Protein backbone atom coordinates (compact mmCIF):
# COMPACT_ATOMS: atom_id res chain seq x y z
CA MET A 1 4.51 28.41 25.17
CA ASP A 2 4.20 24.68 25.79
CA LEU A 3 4.52 22.70 22.53
CA TYR A 4 1.73 20.34 23.59
CA ALA A 5 -1.92 21.09 24.33
CA ASP A 6 -3.71 18.59 26.59
CA VAL A 7 -7.08 18.03 24.93
CA LYS A 8 -8.79 17.65 28.32
CA THR A 9 -8.03 21.29 29.10
CA PHE A 10 -10.05 22.10 25.96
CA GLY A 11 -13.05 20.06 27.06
CA ALA A 12 -12.34 16.52 25.87
CA VAL A 13 -13.92 13.81 28.04
CA GLY A 14 -12.13 10.67 26.82
CA ASP A 15 -14.81 8.19 27.90
CA GLY A 16 -15.48 6.72 24.43
CA VAL A 17 -19.05 8.06 24.47
CA ALA A 18 -18.82 11.85 24.39
CA ASN A 19 -18.05 13.48 21.06
CA ASP A 20 -14.56 14.94 21.53
CA THR A 21 -14.09 16.24 17.96
CA ALA A 22 -14.48 19.92 18.80
CA ALA A 23 -12.23 19.74 21.86
CA ILE A 24 -9.41 18.06 19.92
CA GLN A 25 -9.78 20.59 17.13
CA ARG A 26 -9.59 23.50 19.60
CA ALA A 27 -6.33 22.09 20.96
CA ILE A 28 -4.89 21.94 17.44
CA ASP A 29 -6.18 25.39 16.56
CA SER A 30 -4.22 26.74 19.52
CA GLY A 31 -1.19 26.23 17.28
CA ARG A 32 0.23 23.28 19.18
CA VAL A 33 0.36 19.49 19.08
CA ALA A 34 -2.82 18.07 20.62
CA TYR A 35 -1.87 15.62 23.39
CA LEU A 36 -4.32 12.83 24.21
CA PRO A 37 -3.69 11.27 27.65
CA ALA A 38 -5.00 7.79 28.49
CA GLY A 39 -8.66 7.35 27.54
CA ARG A 40 -10.95 6.71 24.57
CA TYR A 41 -11.69 9.74 22.43
CA ARG A 42 -14.57 9.48 19.98
CA SER A 43 -14.03 11.86 17.08
CA GLY A 44 -15.00 12.84 13.58
CA THR A 45 -12.68 14.64 11.17
CA ILE A 46 -9.71 16.41 12.75
CA HIS A 47 -7.94 19.02 10.59
CA LEU A 48 -4.23 19.53 11.21
CA ARG A 49 -2.74 22.98 10.74
CA SER A 50 0.88 23.91 10.03
CA HIS A 51 3.24 23.29 12.98
CA THR A 52 0.66 21.15 14.81
CA GLY A 53 -0.22 17.49 15.19
CA ILE A 54 -1.64 14.74 17.36
CA LEU A 55 0.32 12.86 20.02
CA LEU A 56 -1.35 9.90 21.75
CA GLY A 57 -0.05 9.01 25.16
CA PRO A 58 0.13 5.44 26.51
CA GLY A 59 -3.40 4.06 26.82
CA ALA A 60 -4.92 6.70 24.54
CA VAL A 61 -7.27 5.49 21.78
CA LEU A 62 -8.72 7.80 19.14
CA THR A 63 -11.89 6.10 17.85
CA ALA A 64 -13.75 7.01 14.68
CA SER A 65 -17.25 8.35 15.20
CA PRO A 66 -20.20 6.30 13.85
CA ASP A 67 -22.02 9.51 12.85
CA ALA A 68 -21.47 10.66 9.24
CA ALA A 69 -22.32 14.23 10.28
CA ASP A 70 -19.06 14.38 12.28
CA TYR A 71 -16.90 14.10 9.15
CA ASN A 72 -15.77 16.40 6.34
CA ALA A 73 -17.88 16.85 3.23
CA ASP A 74 -16.73 14.96 0.15
CA ASP A 75 -15.82 18.26 -1.58
CA TYR A 76 -14.10 19.91 1.40
CA CYS A 77 -10.89 20.32 -0.62
CA ALA A 78 -10.21 20.38 -4.34
CA GLN A 79 -7.92 17.34 -4.20
CA ASN A 80 -10.32 14.99 -2.42
CA ARG A 81 -11.75 12.14 -4.50
CA VAL A 82 -14.60 9.70 -3.93
CA LEU A 83 -13.94 6.28 -5.47
CA VAL A 84 -17.52 5.34 -6.26
CA SER A 85 -16.47 2.02 -7.81
CA GLU A 86 -15.05 0.89 -4.45
CA LEU A 87 -18.17 1.90 -2.49
CA VAL A 88 -16.56 4.43 -0.20
CA SER A 89 -17.13 8.07 0.77
CA GLY A 90 -14.62 10.93 0.82
CA ARG A 91 -14.59 11.25 4.62
CA HIS A 92 -11.43 11.06 6.74
CA LEU A 93 -10.62 10.82 10.42
CA ILE A 94 -7.40 12.88 10.29
CA SER A 95 -6.86 15.36 7.47
CA ALA A 96 -4.11 17.79 6.50
CA VAL A 97 -4.16 19.71 3.23
CA GLU A 98 -1.40 22.06 2.01
CA VAL A 99 0.23 22.50 5.42
CA GLU A 100 3.77 22.00 6.72
CA ASP A 101 5.55 20.60 9.76
CA ILE A 102 2.98 18.18 11.15
CA LEU A 103 3.20 15.23 13.53
CA ILE A 104 1.07 12.14 14.11
CA GLY A 105 2.58 9.95 16.79
CA GLY A 106 2.73 8.56 20.27
CA GLU A 107 2.23 5.23 21.96
CA GLY A 108 -1.54 5.08 21.54
CA VAL A 109 -3.96 3.71 18.94
CA ILE A 110 -6.03 5.24 16.14
CA ASP A 111 -9.02 2.94 15.60
CA GLY A 112 -11.16 3.23 12.46
CA MET A 113 -14.00 1.15 13.96
CA PHE A 114 -14.88 -0.46 10.61
CA ARG A 115 -17.74 -2.52 12.04
CA GLN A 116 -19.78 0.63 12.41
CA TRP A 117 -20.00 0.64 8.60
CA MET A 118 -19.39 -3.00 7.60
CA ASN A 119 -20.77 -5.97 9.52
CA GLU A 120 -22.47 -8.35 7.08
CA PRO A 121 -20.68 -10.93 4.89
CA ASP A 122 -20.71 -10.33 1.15
CA GLU A 123 -21.38 -13.66 -0.52
CA THR A 124 -21.46 -12.14 -4.02
CA LEU A 125 -17.66 -11.94 -4.34
CA GLY A 126 -17.29 -15.71 -4.17
CA VAL A 127 -14.47 -15.58 -1.63
CA THR A 128 -14.01 -17.98 1.29
CA PRO A 129 -14.27 -16.75 3.97
CA PRO A 130 -16.29 -13.86 2.54
CA PHE A 131 -15.28 -10.23 2.80
CA LEU A 132 -17.63 -7.94 4.66
CA LYS A 133 -20.17 -6.09 2.55
CA ARG A 134 -18.98 -2.62 1.62
CA SER A 135 -21.05 0.48 2.32
CA ALA A 136 -20.88 3.67 0.27
CA GLU A 137 -21.19 5.49 3.59
CA ARG A 138 -17.96 4.10 5.00
CA PRO A 139 -15.22 6.69 5.52
CA GLY A 140 -12.37 6.81 3.02
CA GLN A 141 -8.69 7.03 3.89
CA MET A 142 -8.45 7.15 7.71
CA VAL A 143 -5.37 9.42 7.59
CA PHE A 144 -5.42 11.73 4.56
CA LEU A 145 -2.42 14.04 4.06
CA CYS A 146 -2.38 15.99 0.79
CA GLU A 147 0.32 18.28 -0.64
CA CYS A 148 1.97 18.69 2.76
CA THR A 149 5.67 19.12 3.55
CA LYS A 150 7.77 18.04 6.52
CA VAL A 151 5.52 15.23 7.72
CA ARG A 152 6.36 12.96 10.65
CA ILE A 153 4.36 9.84 11.53
CA ARG A 154 5.93 7.75 14.26
CA ASP A 155 5.29 4.87 16.65
CA VAL A 156 1.49 5.07 16.73
CA GLU A 157 -0.75 2.07 15.93
CA LEU A 158 -3.37 2.31 13.17
CA THR A 159 -6.05 -0.35 13.16
CA ASN A 160 -9.51 -1.36 11.92
CA ALA A 161 -9.80 1.18 9.10
CA PRO A 162 -12.89 0.70 6.90
CA TYR A 163 -10.73 1.67 3.89
CA TRP A 164 -7.04 2.65 3.52
CA HIS A 165 -5.24 3.33 6.78
CA CYS A 166 -2.72 6.02 5.79
CA TYR A 167 -2.71 7.92 2.49
CA LEU A 168 -0.17 10.58 1.54
CA HIS A 169 -0.81 12.36 -1.76
CA GLY A 170 1.66 14.81 -3.24
CA CYS A 171 3.64 15.15 0.01
CA GLU A 172 7.36 15.93 0.39
CA ASP A 173 9.99 15.41 3.09
CA VAL A 174 8.21 12.61 4.93
CA ARG A 175 9.45 10.36 7.73
CA ILE A 176 7.34 7.37 8.76
CA SER A 177 8.86 5.20 11.48
CA GLY A 178 7.79 2.59 13.98
CA LEU A 179 4.25 2.51 12.62
CA ARG A 180 2.10 -0.53 13.44
CA ILE A 181 -0.86 -1.24 11.17
CA PHE A 182 -3.17 -4.15 11.96
CA ALA A 183 -6.15 -4.60 9.64
CA ASP A 184 -9.03 -7.03 9.72
CA PRO A 185 -8.72 -9.75 7.03
CA GLY A 186 -12.43 -9.41 6.21
CA VAL A 187 -12.19 -5.77 5.04
CA ILE A 188 -11.55 -5.29 1.33
CA ASN A 189 -9.46 -2.21 0.31
CA ASN A 190 -7.81 -1.84 3.74
CA ASP A 191 -4.33 -0.81 2.51
CA GLY A 192 -1.62 0.03 5.03
CA ILE A 193 0.49 2.94 3.71
CA ASP A 194 -0.15 4.49 0.27
CA LEU A 195 2.46 6.95 -1.04
CA ASP A 196 1.02 8.68 -4.09
CA ALA A 197 3.12 11.18 -6.07
CA CYS A 198 5.26 11.77 -2.98
CA ARG A 199 8.94 12.83 -2.92
CA HIS A 200 11.78 12.37 -0.44
CA VAL A 201 10.19 9.79 1.84
CA VAL A 202 11.71 7.39 4.37
CA VAL A 203 9.62 4.51 5.76
CA SER A 204 11.37 2.42 8.41
CA ASP A 205 10.79 -0.07 11.20
CA CYS A 206 7.11 -0.66 10.46
CA ILE A 207 4.97 -3.76 10.98
CA ILE A 208 1.98 -3.98 8.65
CA ARG A 209 -0.61 -6.77 8.42
CA THR A 210 -3.49 -6.19 6.00
CA ALA A 211 -5.89 -8.03 3.72
CA ASP A 212 -5.10 -5.61 0.90
CA ASP A 213 -1.78 -3.96 -0.04
CA CYS A 214 0.67 -3.30 2.81
CA LEU A 215 2.62 -0.50 1.14
CA THR A 216 2.13 1.10 -2.25
CA LEU A 217 3.89 3.59 -4.48
CA ARG A 218 1.43 5.30 -6.79
CA GLY A 219 1.69 7.90 -9.55
CA LEU A 220 -1.70 9.63 -9.67
CA THR A 221 -1.20 13.32 -10.49
CA GLU A 222 -4.64 14.38 -11.77
CA PRO A 223 -6.13 15.84 -8.55
CA LEU A 224 -2.98 17.64 -7.41
CA LYS A 225 -2.37 21.36 -7.73
CA LYS A 226 1.34 20.69 -8.24
CA LYS A 227 2.17 17.73 -10.48
CA ARG A 228 5.16 15.66 -9.40
CA ALA A 229 6.67 12.21 -9.73
CA CYS A 230 6.66 9.65 -6.96
CA GLU A 231 10.40 9.51 -6.35
CA TYR A 232 13.33 9.26 -3.95
CA ILE A 233 11.69 6.76 -1.60
CA ALA A 234 13.50 4.51 0.90
CA VAL A 235 11.69 1.67 2.67
CA THR A 236 13.75 -0.33 5.15
CA ASN A 237 13.58 -2.65 8.16
CA CYS A 238 9.90 -3.52 7.77
CA VAL A 239 7.71 -6.60 8.22
CA PHE A 240 4.77 -7.00 5.80
CA SER A 241 1.91 -9.47 5.41
CA SER A 242 -0.97 -9.10 2.91
CA SER A 243 -3.33 -12.05 3.10
CA PHE A 244 -5.28 -11.23 -0.07
CA ALA A 245 -3.19 -8.86 -2.19
CA ASN A 246 0.35 -7.46 -2.39
CA ALA A 247 2.90 -6.87 0.32
CA ILE A 248 4.52 -4.21 -1.91
CA ARG A 249 2.62 -2.72 -4.83
CA VAL A 250 4.01 -0.22 -7.34
CA GLY A 251 1.73 1.35 -9.93
CA VAL A 252 -1.66 3.08 -10.45
CA GLY A 253 -2.04 6.49 -12.02
CA ASP A 254 -0.83 8.48 -15.00
CA GLY A 255 2.55 9.85 -13.90
CA GLU A 256 5.98 8.50 -12.98
CA ILE A 257 7.37 6.32 -10.20
CA ARG A 258 11.16 6.22 -9.97
CA HIS A 259 14.26 6.17 -7.74
CA ALA A 260 13.05 3.94 -4.91
CA LEU A 261 14.94 1.55 -2.65
CA PHE A 262 13.46 -1.32 -0.61
CA SER A 263 15.81 -3.13 1.77
CA ASN A 264 15.83 -5.44 4.79
CA ILE A 265 12.17 -6.40 4.43
CA SER A 266 10.42 -9.56 5.62
CA ILE A 267 7.32 -10.61 3.67
CA SER A 268 5.19 -13.55 4.79
CA GLU A 269 1.71 -15.03 4.38
CA SER A 270 1.03 -12.87 1.31
CA ARG A 271 -0.62 -13.59 -2.02
CA THR A 272 2.02 -11.54 -3.90
CA GLY A 273 5.36 -10.34 -2.60
CA VAL A 274 6.28 -7.53 -5.02
CA CYS A 275 3.74 -6.35 -7.61
CA ILE A 276 4.78 -3.76 -10.22
CA VAL A 277 2.06 -2.95 -12.77
CA SER A 278 1.93 0.06 -15.09
CA ARG A 279 -1.73 -0.03 -16.14
CA TYR A 280 -4.70 -1.62 -14.38
CA TRP A 281 -7.75 -0.34 -16.23
CA PRO A 282 -8.79 0.37 -19.84
CA GLY A 283 -8.83 4.02 -20.83
CA GLU A 284 -5.73 4.78 -18.76
CA GLU A 285 -2.25 5.46 -20.11
CA GLY A 286 -0.42 3.79 -17.24
CA VAL A 287 2.56 4.78 -15.11
CA GLU A 288 6.18 5.07 -16.23
CA ILE A 289 8.20 3.06 -13.67
CA SER A 290 12.00 3.01 -13.43
CA ASP A 291 15.06 2.70 -11.18
CA LEU A 292 13.74 0.52 -8.35
CA THR A 293 15.98 -1.65 -6.16
CA PHE A 294 14.83 -4.50 -3.90
CA ASP A 295 17.71 -5.78 -1.78
CA HIS A 296 18.15 -8.14 1.18
CA MET A 297 14.60 -9.41 1.47
CA GLN A 298 12.79 -12.55 2.52
CA ILE A 299 9.68 -13.13 0.41
CA HIS A 300 7.35 -15.95 1.42
CA ALA A 301 4.37 -15.42 -0.87
CA ARG A 302 2.23 -17.47 -3.20
CA ARG A 303 3.70 -15.36 -6.03
CA PRO A 304 7.03 -13.71 -5.16
CA PHE A 305 7.21 -11.36 -8.19
CA ASN A 306 4.57 -9.94 -10.54
CA LEU A 307 5.77 -7.33 -13.10
CA LYS A 308 3.39 -6.38 -15.91
CA LEU A 309 2.75 -3.45 -18.19
CA ASP A 310 -0.92 -4.46 -18.45
CA ASN A 311 -2.62 -6.09 -15.50
CA SER A 312 -4.73 -8.25 -17.81
CA ARG A 313 -4.52 -9.41 -21.41
CA ASP A 314 -7.89 -7.98 -22.43
CA LEU A 315 -6.81 -4.32 -22.24
CA SER A 316 -6.78 -2.68 -25.67
CA PRO A 317 -4.77 -1.05 -27.08
CA VAL A 318 -1.89 -2.57 -25.16
CA CYS A 319 0.12 -0.40 -22.78
CA ALA A 320 2.85 1.74 -24.37
CA ARG A 321 4.56 2.87 -21.15
CA GLY A 322 7.65 1.26 -19.62
CA ILE A 323 8.99 -0.62 -16.61
CA SER A 324 12.79 -0.44 -16.64
CA ASP A 325 15.94 -0.66 -14.53
CA ILE A 326 14.55 -2.92 -11.79
CA THR A 327 16.93 -4.92 -9.58
CA PHE A 328 16.13 -7.79 -7.20
CA SER A 329 19.19 -8.87 -5.23
CA ASN A 330 20.04 -11.02 -2.22
CA ILE A 331 16.55 -12.46 -1.88
CA THR A 332 15.38 -15.74 -0.37
CA GLY A 333 11.87 -17.09 -0.01
CA SER A 334 9.23 -19.40 -1.37
CA GLY A 335 6.35 -19.48 -3.83
CA GLU A 336 3.79 -21.62 -5.61
CA PHE A 337 2.55 -19.52 -8.57
CA SER A 338 4.47 -18.36 -11.65
CA CYS A 339 6.48 -15.16 -11.42
CA TYR A 340 5.25 -13.00 -14.32
CA PHE A 341 7.49 -10.52 -16.15
CA THR A 342 5.21 -9.37 -18.96
CA GLY A 343 5.68 -6.45 -21.33
CA THR A 344 3.65 -5.65 -24.45
CA SER A 345 4.29 -5.26 -28.16
CA ARG A 346 4.21 -1.45 -27.73
CA GLY A 347 5.71 -0.90 -24.27
CA ARG A 348 9.07 -1.55 -22.60
CA LEU A 349 9.98 -4.15 -20.01
CA ASP A 350 13.69 -3.51 -20.04
CA ASN A 351 16.81 -4.09 -17.95
CA ILE A 352 15.40 -6.33 -15.23
CA ARG A 353 17.99 -8.05 -13.00
CA LEU A 354 17.65 -10.95 -10.55
CA CYS A 355 20.92 -11.44 -8.65
CA ASN A 356 21.57 -13.96 -5.89
CA VAL A 357 17.95 -15.10 -5.58
CA GLN A 358 16.96 -18.41 -3.97
CA LEU A 359 13.36 -19.58 -4.00
CA ARG A 360 11.84 -22.79 -2.68
CA TYR A 361 8.93 -23.75 -4.95
CA ARG A 362 5.91 -25.89 -4.26
CA GLY A 363 2.55 -25.72 -6.06
CA LYS A 364 1.02 -27.48 -9.04
CA GLY A 365 2.10 -25.35 -11.96
CA VAL A 366 -0.88 -24.48 -14.16
CA ALA A 367 -3.71 -22.93 -12.12
CA PRO A 368 -6.90 -20.91 -12.72
CA ASP A 369 -7.05 -17.23 -11.79
CA ARG A 370 -8.98 -18.03 -8.59
CA ASP A 371 -7.83 -20.61 -6.10
CA GLU A 372 -9.99 -23.03 -4.14
CA ASN A 373 -10.95 -20.26 -1.71
CA GLY A 374 -11.94 -17.83 -4.45
CA LYS A 375 -8.90 -15.59 -4.09
CA TRP A 376 -8.14 -13.55 -7.21
CA GLY A 377 -4.80 -13.24 -8.95
CA CYS A 378 -3.79 -16.88 -8.51
CA SER A 379 -3.23 -17.88 -12.14
CA SER A 380 -0.09 -19.79 -13.04
CA THR A 381 1.53 -21.46 -16.03
CA ASP A 382 3.82 -24.49 -15.75
CA ALA A 383 6.96 -22.28 -15.69
CA VAL A 384 8.33 -20.66 -12.53
CA PHE A 385 9.53 -17.56 -14.45
CA GLU A 386 7.23 -16.55 -17.33
CA LEU A 387 8.78 -13.82 -19.54
CA GLU A 388 7.02 -12.07 -22.42
CA TYR A 389 8.13 -9.02 -24.41
CA ALA A 390 11.13 -8.54 -22.12
CA THR A 391 14.51 -7.11 -23.16
CA ASN A 392 17.88 -7.15 -21.37
CA PHE A 393 16.86 -9.56 -18.66
CA LEU A 394 19.56 -11.00 -16.38
CA PHE A 395 19.42 -14.11 -14.20
CA ASP A 396 22.58 -14.13 -12.07
CA ARG A 397 22.88 -16.88 -9.44
CA VAL A 398 19.17 -17.65 -9.34
CA ASN A 399 18.36 -20.96 -7.69
CA VAL A 400 14.92 -22.63 -7.65
CA LEU A 401 14.51 -25.52 -5.20
CA HIS A 402 11.53 -27.68 -6.17
CA GLU A 403 9.48 -29.53 -3.59
CA ASN A 404 7.77 -31.52 -6.34
CA SER A 405 8.19 -32.13 -10.07
CA ALA A 406 4.97 -30.47 -11.29
CA TRP A 407 6.79 -27.60 -12.99
CA ALA A 408 7.65 -28.14 -16.66
CA ALA A 409 10.28 -25.40 -16.74
CA ASP A 410 12.02 -22.84 -14.59
CA LEU A 411 12.02 -20.30 -17.42
CA ARG A 412 9.89 -19.69 -20.50
CA GLU A 413 10.54 -16.80 -22.92
CA THR A 414 8.09 -15.41 -25.49
CA HIS A 415 9.00 -12.44 -27.72
CA CYS A 416 12.08 -11.70 -25.62
CA ARG A 417 15.52 -10.36 -26.54
CA ARG A 418 18.84 -10.55 -24.75
CA VAL A 419 17.86 -12.76 -21.82
CA VAL A 420 21.09 -13.74 -20.09
CA GLN A 421 21.40 -16.69 -17.72
CA LYS A 422 24.47 -16.59 -15.52
CA GLY A 423 23.36 -19.35 -13.23
CA LEU A 424 19.63 -20.19 -13.32
CA GLU A 425 19.57 -23.54 -11.55
CA SER A 426 17.07 -25.94 -10.04
């Protein structure tokens, strides 16, 4: 039997007007990979089965339906969650739950058509230019893969999602390569790739431009049937740009994130280069984070590094989890806000190493949390590296090149032990 099922032989029209959901689903239910030839295919939720997938040929565009009735119900699977606080539904365009051996790929485009759900500016956030107003009816993660094994996502373009573009939760044995994600800068929460409690994952050769996080490692275990750490992840040969948030973000959840390698990555035009935070919200325990390596990277961001146990100082009681064994090596770039490395009196920020790091610094030193355009997360002290409650911290061949003299210090330590400087120069 042919491995591919042409969706047009199952009744798909591909004119961008007809509803092709049922035809695409019939092709998948035949037990094969649904092939979409050139055309525009309007669709609601598509459910992948084991040993199936979607392959978009050159000129093929899968467009998200504007009709809420075409999508899954919020409670269609036990693991699905609706994040009410972010004004989003639990609907998805492509879904796979507890299946194996699936493919999403090809040379075509998967278009989330966000303007069907968001088209008015939201002046209440105080951001210039303003984000678009969120709707609780907007679909959630455009690609939602949960507790699946042997997942392949390759070459396809994901664009215009009204929320996260590609979310993998509790998946194992995953290969993501050649993915292109282009998100509108006016859409809040439009993450690129989110890997949540996933194991044995390789992400390579991707280009991601978003307003929100480009790539995240998360440790949320609560909805999963099988609890697991987010671990054994390799991310390499990628180009990231996050205009409003983090190019790489590690954190969120209640579990563990460990054993991850990031290499050969170019980060530009981002608010934060690498953000590692254990706990974001009160009432949460936070994530245990350890054994992460960031090597051979260019980071051009307003804040190159942001490592914190607690995201803000008003969380009480303070976080008691740990961030440990983190290495940044062979890194060049630029910044203008302080790099924070902040533990707590109860938690552990331990064994952090910066080796062969060169940063060109501009900026004004002390800054409020919002910049002149209203962007959040822009606070700064008058020190380039601000350390608090850190232990076993190594600066080895770290060079800061100042474009002005506004910075009072390259390094400030508060409640720290065993901070070693083997070449911190400016």
